[in-house]
C-alpha atoms as a PDB file:
ATOM      1  CA  MET A   1     -21.373  42.113 155.388  1.00  0.00           C
ATOM      2  CA  SER A   2     -24.290  43.258 157.503  1.00  0.00           C
ATOM      3  CA  ARG A   3     -26.829  45.729 156.129  1.00  0.00           C
ATOM      4  CA  ASP A   4     -29.339  47.955 157.808  1.00  0.00           C
ATOM      5  CA  PRO A   5     -32.758  46.582 156.754  1.00  0.00           C
ATOM      6  CA  ALA A   6     -34.345  50.025 156.453  1.00  0.00           C
ATOM      7  CA  ALA A   7     -31.482  51.359 154.317  1.00  0.00           C
ATOM      8  CA  ALA A   8     -31.534  48.245 152.122  1.00  0.00           C
ATOM      9  CA  ARG A   9     -35.265  48.602 151.478  1.00  0.00           C
ATOM     10  CA  THR A  10     -34.887  52.297 150.734  1.00  0.00           C
ATOM     11  CA  ALA A  11     -32.124  51.543 148.242  1.00  0.00           C
ATOM     12  CA  LEU A  12     -34.294  48.962 146.508  1.00  0.00           C
ATOM     13  CA  LEU A  13     -37.339  51.186 146.196  1.00  0.00           C
ATOM     14  CA  ASP A  14     -35.248  54.161 145.075  1.00  0.00           C
ATOM     15  CA  ALA A  15     -33.541  51.936 142.498  1.00  0.00           C
ATOM     16  CA  GLY A  16     -36.990  50.930 141.288  1.00  0.00           C
ATOM     17  CA  ALA A  17     -38.123  54.562 141.104  1.00  0.00           C
ATOM     18  CA  TRP A  18     -35.009  55.518 139.148  1.00  0.00           C
ATOM     19  CA  PHE A  19     -35.560  52.630 136.751  1.00  0.00           C
ATOM     20  CA  ALA A  20     -39.218  53.557 136.289  1.00  0.00           C
ATOM     21  CA  GLU A  21     -38.219  57.137 135.442  1.00  0.00           C
ATOM     22  CA  LEU A  22     -35.625  55.842 132.985  1.00  0.00           C
ATOM     23  CA  VAL A  23     -38.216  53.695 131.200  1.00  0.00           C
ATOM     24  CA  GLU A  24     -40.519  56.712 130.970  1.00  0.00           C
ATOM     25  CA  GLU A  25     -37.794  58.468 128.981  1.00  0.00           C
ATOM     26  CA  LEU A  26     -37.580  55.766 126.332  1.00  0.00           C
ATOM     27  CA  ARG A  27     -38.983  56.574 122.905  1.00  0.00           C
ATOM     28  CA  PRO A  28     -40.223  54.203 120.161  1.00  0.00           C
ATOM     29  CA  HIS A  29     -36.845  54.062 118.414  1.00  0.00           C
ATOM     30  CA  HIS A  30     -35.097  52.961 121.612  1.00  0.00           C
ATOM     31  CA  TRP A  31     -36.944  49.682 122.084  1.00  0.00           C
ATOM     32  CA  THR A  32     -35.313  47.805 119.218  1.00  0.00           C
ATOM     33  CA  ARG A  33     -31.757  48.918 119.948  1.00  0.00           C
ATOM     34  CA  PRO A  34     -29.325  46.115 120.782  1.00  0.00           C
ATOM     35  CA  GLY A  35     -28.612  45.415 124.437  1.00  0.00           C
ATOM     36  CA  PRO A  36     -26.282  42.909 126.108  1.00  0.00           C
ATOM     37  CA  GLY A  37     -26.030  39.515 124.457  1.00  0.00           C
ATOM     38  CA  VAL A  38     -29.000  38.532 122.313  1.00  0.00           C
ATOM     39  CA  TRP A  39     -31.440  40.983 123.925  1.00  0.00           C
ATOM     40  CA  ASP A  40     -32.781  44.191 122.513  1.00  0.00           C
ATOM     41  CA  VAL A  41     -33.798  47.021 124.832  1.00  0.00           C
ATOM     42  CA  ARG A  42     -37.360  45.724 125.217  1.00  0.00           C
ATOM     43  CA  ALA A  43     -36.100  42.327 126.410  1.00  0.00           C
ATOM     44  CA  LEU A  44     -33.561  44.015 128.685  1.00  0.00           C
ATOM     45  CA  VAL A  45     -36.229  46.215 130.258  1.00  0.00           C
ATOM     46  CA  GLY A  46     -38.509  43.197 130.606  1.00  0.00           C
ATOM     47  CA  HIS A  47     -35.791  41.215 132.377  1.00  0.00           C
ATOM     48  CA  THR A  48     -34.970  44.126 134.695  1.00  0.00           C
ATOM     49  CA  HIS A  49     -38.651  44.728 135.440  1.00  0.00           C
ATOM     50  CA  ARG A  50     -38.814  41.221 136.887  1.00  0.00           C
ATOM     51  CA  ALA A  51     -36.710  42.427 139.814  1.00  0.00           C
ATOM     52  CA  LEU A  52     -39.834  44.262 140.947  1.00  0.00           C
ATOM     53  CA  VAL A  53     -42.309  41.579 139.905  1.00  0.00           C
ATOM     54  CA  THR A  54     -40.566  38.753 141.726  1.00  0.00           C
ATOM     55  CA  LEU A  55     -40.255  40.717 144.949  1.00  0.00           C
ATOM     56  CA  GLY A  56     -43.991  41.247 145.112  1.00  0.00           C
ATOM     57  CA  SER A  57     -44.854  37.684 144.185  1.00  0.00           C
ATOM     58  CA  TYR A  58     -42.231  35.898 146.299  1.00  0.00           C
ATOM     59  CA  LEU A  59     -43.307  37.713 149.460  1.00  0.00           C
ATOM     60  CA  THR A  60     -46.613  35.861 149.242  1.00  0.00           C
ATOM     61  CA  VAL A  61     -44.973  32.409 149.063  1.00  0.00           C
ATOM     62  CA  PRO A  62     -43.297  31.263 152.300  1.00  0.00           C
ATOM     63  CA  ALA A  63     -40.559  28.622 152.189  1.00  0.00           C
ATOM     64  CA  GLU A  64     -39.921  25.829 154.686  1.00  0.00           C
ATOM     65  CA  ASP A  65     -36.186  25.294 154.199  1.00  0.00           C
ATOM     66  CA  GLU A  66     -33.433  27.900 153.872  1.00  0.00           C
ATOM     67  CA  THR A  67     -31.437  27.007 150.756  1.00  0.00           C
ATOM     68  CA  CYS A  68     -29.731  30.348 150.244  1.00  0.00           C
ATOM     69  CA  THR A  69     -28.115  32.058 153.231  1.00  0.00           C
ATOM     70  CA  GLY A  70     -26.639  35.198 151.698  1.00  0.00           C
ATOM     71  CA  VAL A  71     -26.420  37.605 148.795  1.00  0.00           C
ATOM     72  CA  ALA A  72     -23.302  36.078 147.227  1.00  0.00           C
ATOM     73  CA  GLN A  73     -24.686  32.563 147.544  1.00  0.00           C
ATOM     74  CA  TYR A  74     -27.850  33.683 145.740  1.00  0.00           C
ATOM     75  CA  TYR A  75     -25.808  34.514 142.636  1.00  0.00           C
ATOM     76  CA  ALA A  76     -23.745  31.343 142.890  1.00  0.00           C
ATOM     77  CA  LEU A  77     -26.887  29.196 143.087  1.00  0.00           C
ATOM     78  CA  ALA A  78     -28.591  31.120 140.305  1.00  0.00           C
ATOM     79  CA  ALA A  79     -25.583  30.717 138.007  1.00  0.00           C
ATOM     80  CA  ALA A  80     -25.371  26.989 138.712  1.00  0.00           C
ATOM     81  CA  ALA A  81     -29.024  26.483 137.841  1.00  0.00           C
ATOM     82  CA  ALA A  82     -29.230  28.830 134.857  1.00  0.00           C
ATOM     83  CA  ASP A  83     -29.418  27.730 131.243  1.00  0.00           C
ATOM     84  CA  PRO A  84     -28.280  30.726 129.130  1.00  0.00           C
ATOM     85  CA  ALA A  85     -30.786  29.898 126.398  1.00  0.00           C
ATOM     86  CA  ASP A  86     -33.630  29.787 128.919  1.00  0.00           C
ATOM     87  CA  VAL A  87     -32.527  33.057 130.503  1.00  0.00           C
ATOM     88  CA  ALA A  88     -32.437  34.720 127.084  1.00  0.00           C
ATOM     89  CA  ALA A  89     -35.869  33.372 126.176  1.00  0.00           C
ATOM     90  CA  ARG A  90     -37.369  34.523 129.472  1.00  0.00           C
ATOM     91  CA  GLY A  91     -36.017  38.019 128.855  1.00  0.00           C
ATOM     92  CA  VAL A  92     -37.654  38.150 125.431  1.00  0.00           C
ATOM     93  CA  ALA A  93     -40.933  36.897 126.893  1.00  0.00           C
ATOM     94  CA  ALA A  94     -40.718  39.440 129.729  1.00  0.00           C
ATOM     95  CA  GLY A  95     -40.236  42.171 127.151  1.00  0.00           C
ATOM     96  CA  HIS A  96     -43.445  41.166 125.371  1.00  0.00           C
ATOM     97  CA  GLU A  97     -45.277  41.077 128.715  1.00  0.00           C
ATOM     98  CA  LEU A  98     -44.558  44.773 129.215  1.00  0.00           C
ATOM     99  CA  GLY A  99     -47.430  45.397 126.829  1.00  0.00           C
ATOM    100  CA  ARG A 100     -48.183  48.535 124.846  1.00  0.00           C
ATOM    101  CA  HIS A 101     -47.339  50.888 127.706  1.00  0.00           C
ATOM    102  CA  PRO A 102     -44.139  49.583 129.333  1.00  0.00           C
ATOM    103  CA  ALA A 103     -43.630  52.623 131.561  1.00  0.00           C
ATOM    104  CA  ASP A 104     -47.078  52.159 133.108  1.00  0.00           C
ATOM    105  CA  THR A 105     -46.380  48.458 133.628  1.00  0.00           C
ATOM    106  CA  VAL A 106     -43.087  49.157 135.397  1.00  0.00           C
ATOM    107  CA  ARG A 107     -44.622  51.872 137.567  1.00  0.00           C
ATOM    108  CA  ALA A 108     -47.473  49.579 138.608  1.00  0.00           C
ATOM    109  CA  SER A 109     -45.021  46.811 139.554  1.00  0.00           C
ATOM    110  CA  LEU A 110     -42.986  49.287 141.610  1.00  0.00           C
ATOM    111  CA  ASP A 111     -46.130  50.279 143.496  1.00  0.00           C
ATOM    112  CA  ARG A 112     -46.978  46.628 144.176  1.00  0.00           C
ATOM    113  CA  ALA A 113     -43.442  45.927 145.389  1.00  0.00           C
ATOM    114  CA  ARG A 114     -43.575  48.957 147.697  1.00  0.00           C
ATOM    115  CA  ASP A 115     -46.926  47.858 149.095  1.00  0.00           C
ATOM    116  CA  ALA A 116     -45.717  44.280 149.597  1.00  0.00           C
ATOM    117  CA  LEU A 117     -42.593  45.415 151.473  1.00  0.00           C
ATOM    118  CA  ALA A 118     -44.650  47.741 153.639  1.00  0.00           C
ATOM    119  CA  GLN A 119     -46.580  44.735 154.947  1.00  0.00           C
ATOM    120  CA  VAL A 120     -43.393  43.252 156.453  1.00  0.00           C
ATOM    121  CA  PRO A 121     -42.143  44.964 159.655  1.00  0.00           C
ATOM    122  CA  LEU A 122     -38.463  45.878 159.611  1.00  0.00           C
ATOM    123  CA  ASP A 123     -37.744  43.553 162.527  1.00  0.00           C
ATOM    124  CA  GLU A 124     -39.103  40.546 160.617  1.00  0.00           C
ATOM    125  CA  ASP A 125     -37.096  38.547 158.082  1.00  0.00           C
ATOM    126  CA  PRO A 126     -39.440  36.035 156.425  1.00  0.00           C
ATOM    127  CA  LEU A 127     -38.147  33.005 154.584  1.00  0.00           C
ATOM    128  CA  ILE A 128     -39.509  33.284 151.039  1.00  0.00           C
ATOM    129  CA  ARG A 129     -39.462  30.921 148.091  1.00  0.00           C
ATOM    130  CA  THR A 130     -37.224  32.306 145.338  1.00  0.00           C
ATOM    131  CA  VAL A 131     -35.883  30.836 142.116  1.00  0.00           C
ATOM    132  CA  VAL A 132     -32.906  29.404 144.059  1.00  0.00           C
ATOM    133  CA  GLY A 133     -35.016  28.088 146.934  1.00  0.00           C
ATOM    134  CA  GLY A 134     -35.798  29.392 150.406  1.00  0.00           C
ATOM    135  CA  THR A 135     -34.100  32.759 150.990  1.00  0.00           C
ATOM    136  CA  ARG A 136     -34.422  35.308 153.776  1.00  0.00           C
ATOM    137  CA  LEU A 137     -35.906  38.621 152.682  1.00  0.00           C
ATOM    138  CA  ARG A 138     -32.814  40.486 153.893  1.00  0.00           C
ATOM    139  CA  ALA A 139     -30.653  38.401 151.553  1.00  0.00           C
ATOM    140  CA  TYR A 140     -33.043  38.794 148.629  1.00  0.00           C
ATOM    141  CA  VAL A 141     -33.644  42.554 148.735  1.00  0.00           C
ATOM    142  CA  PRO A 142     -30.043  43.559 147.811  1.00  0.00           C
ATOM    143  CA  THR A 143     -30.100  41.251 144.784  1.00  0.00           C
ATOM    144  CA  ARG A 144     -33.079  43.200 143.434  1.00  0.00           C
ATOM    145  CA  THR A 145     -31.319  46.527 143.959  1.00  0.00           C
ATOM    146  CA  PHE A 146     -28.267  45.151 142.163  1.00  0.00           C
ATOM    147  CA  GLU A 147     -30.343  43.966 139.190  1.00  0.00           C
ATOM    148  CA  LEU A 148     -32.149  47.297 138.867  1.00  0.00           C
ATOM    149  CA  ALA A 149     -28.928  49.314 139.116  1.00  0.00           C
ATOM    150  CA  VAL A 150     -26.757  47.226 136.782  1.00  0.00           C
ATOM    151  CA  HIS A 151     -29.375  46.530 134.130  1.00  0.00           C
ATOM    152  CA  GLY A 152     -30.724  50.057 134.427  1.00  0.00           C
ATOM    153  CA  LEU A 153     -27.252  51.277 133.499  1.00  0.00           C
ATOM    154  CA  ASP A 154     -27.296  48.763 130.626  1.00  0.00           C
ATOM    155  CA  VAL A 155     -30.544  50.300 129.370  1.00  0.00           C
ATOM    156  CA  ALA A 156     -29.216  53.852 129.649  1.00  0.00           C
ATOM    157  CA  GLN A 157     -26.038  52.909 127.781  1.00  0.00           C
ATOM    158  CA  ALA A 158     -27.915  51.070 125.034  1.00  0.00           C
ATOM    159  CA  CYS A 159     -30.162  54.092 124.509  1.00  0.00           C
ATOM    160  CA  GLY A 160     -27.423  56.713 124.691  1.00  0.00           C
ATOM    161  CA  LEU A 161     -28.849  58.293 127.837  1.00  0.00           C
ATOM    162  CA  ASP A 162     -26.580  59.765 130.517  1.00  0.00           C
ATOM    163  CA  ARG A 163     -28.451  58.474 133.552  1.00  0.00           C
ATOM    164  CA  THR A 164     -27.096  56.945 136.754  1.00  0.00           C
ATOM    165  CA  PRO A 165     -28.847  55.682 139.897  1.00  0.00           C
ATOM    166  CA  PRO A 166     -28.725  57.712 143.126  1.00  0.00           C
ATOM    167  CA  GLU A 167     -25.472  57.476 145.075  1.00  0.00           C
ATOM    168  CA  HIS A 168     -26.927  55.365 147.892  1.00  0.00           C
ATOM    169  CA  VAL A 169     -28.280  52.897 145.320  1.00  0.00           C
ATOM    170  CA  LEU A 170     -24.853  52.645 143.711  1.00  0.00           C
ATOM    171  CA  ALA A 171     -23.291  52.147 147.144  1.00  0.00           C
ATOM    172  CA  ASP A 172     -25.701  49.330 147.950  1.00  0.00           C
ATOM    173  CA  ALA A 173     -25.054  47.670 144.582  1.00  0.00           C
ATOM    174  CA  GLY A 174     -21.328  48.128 145.155  1.00  0.00           C
ATOM    175  CA  GLN A 175     -21.575  46.311 148.482  1.00  0.00           C
ATOM    176  CA  THR A 176     -23.301  43.416 146.723  1.00  0.00           C
ATOM    177  CA  LEU A 177     -20.535  43.422 144.133  1.00  0.00           C
ATOM    178  CA  LEU A 178     -17.911  43.178 146.863  1.00  0.00           C
ATOM    179  CA  GLU A 179     -19.754  40.322 148.547  1.00  0.00           C
ATOM    180  CA  ILE A 180     -19.865  38.392 145.267  1.00  0.00           C
ATOM    181  CA  ALA A 181     -16.198  39.186 144.622  1.00  0.00           C
ATOM    182  CA  ALA A 182     -15.180  38.025 148.089  1.00  0.00           C
ATOM    183  CA  ASP A 183     -17.133  34.804 147.717  1.00  0.00           C
ATOM    184  CA  GLY A 184     -15.357  34.094 144.439  1.00  0.00           C
ATOM    185  CA  GLY A 185     -11.885  34.943 145.763  1.00  0.00           C
ATOM    186  CA  HIS A 186     -11.563  37.987 143.477  1.00  0.00           C
ATOM    187  CA  LEU A 187     -10.905  40.731 146.036  1.00  0.00           C
ATOM    188  CA  PRO A 188      -7.071  40.698 145.841  1.00  0.00           C
ATOM    189  CA  GLY A 189      -7.115  41.168 142.066  1.00  0.00           C
ATOM    190  CA  ILE A 190      -9.758  43.878 142.302  1.00  0.00           C
ATOM    191  CA  LEU A 191      -7.810  45.758 144.968  1.00  0.00           C
ATOM    192  CA  LEU A 192      -4.676  45.656 142.839  1.00  0.00           C
ATOM    193  CA  ALA A 193      -6.584  46.784 139.741  1.00  0.00           C
ATOM    194  CA  LEU A 194      -8.432  49.643 141.423  1.00  0.00           C
ATOM    195  CA  THR A 195      -5.236  50.949 142.961  1.00  0.00           C
ATOM    196  CA  GLY A 196      -3.471  50.978 139.590  1.00  0.00           C
ATOM    197  CA  ARG A 197      -1.108  48.088 140.222  1.00  0.00           C
ATOM    198  CA  ARG A 198      -2.249  45.722 137.491  1.00  0.00           C
ATOM    199  CA  PRO A 199      -5.181  45.497 135.078  1.00  0.00           C
ATOM    200  CA  LEU A 200      -7.998  43.033 135.320  1.00  0.00           C
ATOM    201  CA  PRO A 201      -8.064  40.286 132.677  1.00  0.00           C
ATOM    202  CA  PRO A 202     -10.076  41.053 129.507  1.00  0.00           C
ATOM    203  CA  GLY A 203     -13.735  40.265 129.985  1.00  0.00           C
ATOM    204  CA  PHE A 204     -13.357  39.918 133.746  1.00  0.00           C
ATOM    205  CA  SER A 205     -16.554  39.703 135.822  1.00  0.00           C
ATOM    206  CA  VAL A 206     -17.162  38.855 139.459  1.00  0.00           C
ATOM    207  CA  LEU A 207     -20.453  37.211 138.541  1.00  0.00           C
ATOM    208  CA  PRO A 208     -20.290  33.418 138.553  1.00  0.00           C
END
């Protein structure tokens, strides 16, 4: 599914701004609340914050070979290479790295990501070195929007806050979801479920 580069970048930065505002709302008692899996809210925020950190850092590291050619493939490659224990540990470490003022840390990373993106003209699509190997910027940007939207909603839910990303951010994340679902052969079941014909299996996820 093709995306307009300008719209995709706007969605990412607006997702980051929404997430930064959400983190600013968190109070001391929120940080130790349980999140998904083994993470507490601090680890969850730390993991989500890396969506901004990696964008800024990866843009400075060009790649020679294109390993990942699309959004759905990014998640397939990431899942194949991931060790759940390592992912959990990195989230905890990322939570500690937020420091004493997490909201300021997130806001500063958003500013750096915005500045880094601004250095790349919209008609350019550099090949950057990501955790799954060489990936075009246009394939990487939607994965960051998806992470910020989904995990931002996780944070809001864990903290009992009724907060949702802007509609265009949700639409962009929804497009990523459909691309992942199509790659995994899940679209027929999703269409039937969302039109009320049959439920999805318990615990169903389109993520590899």
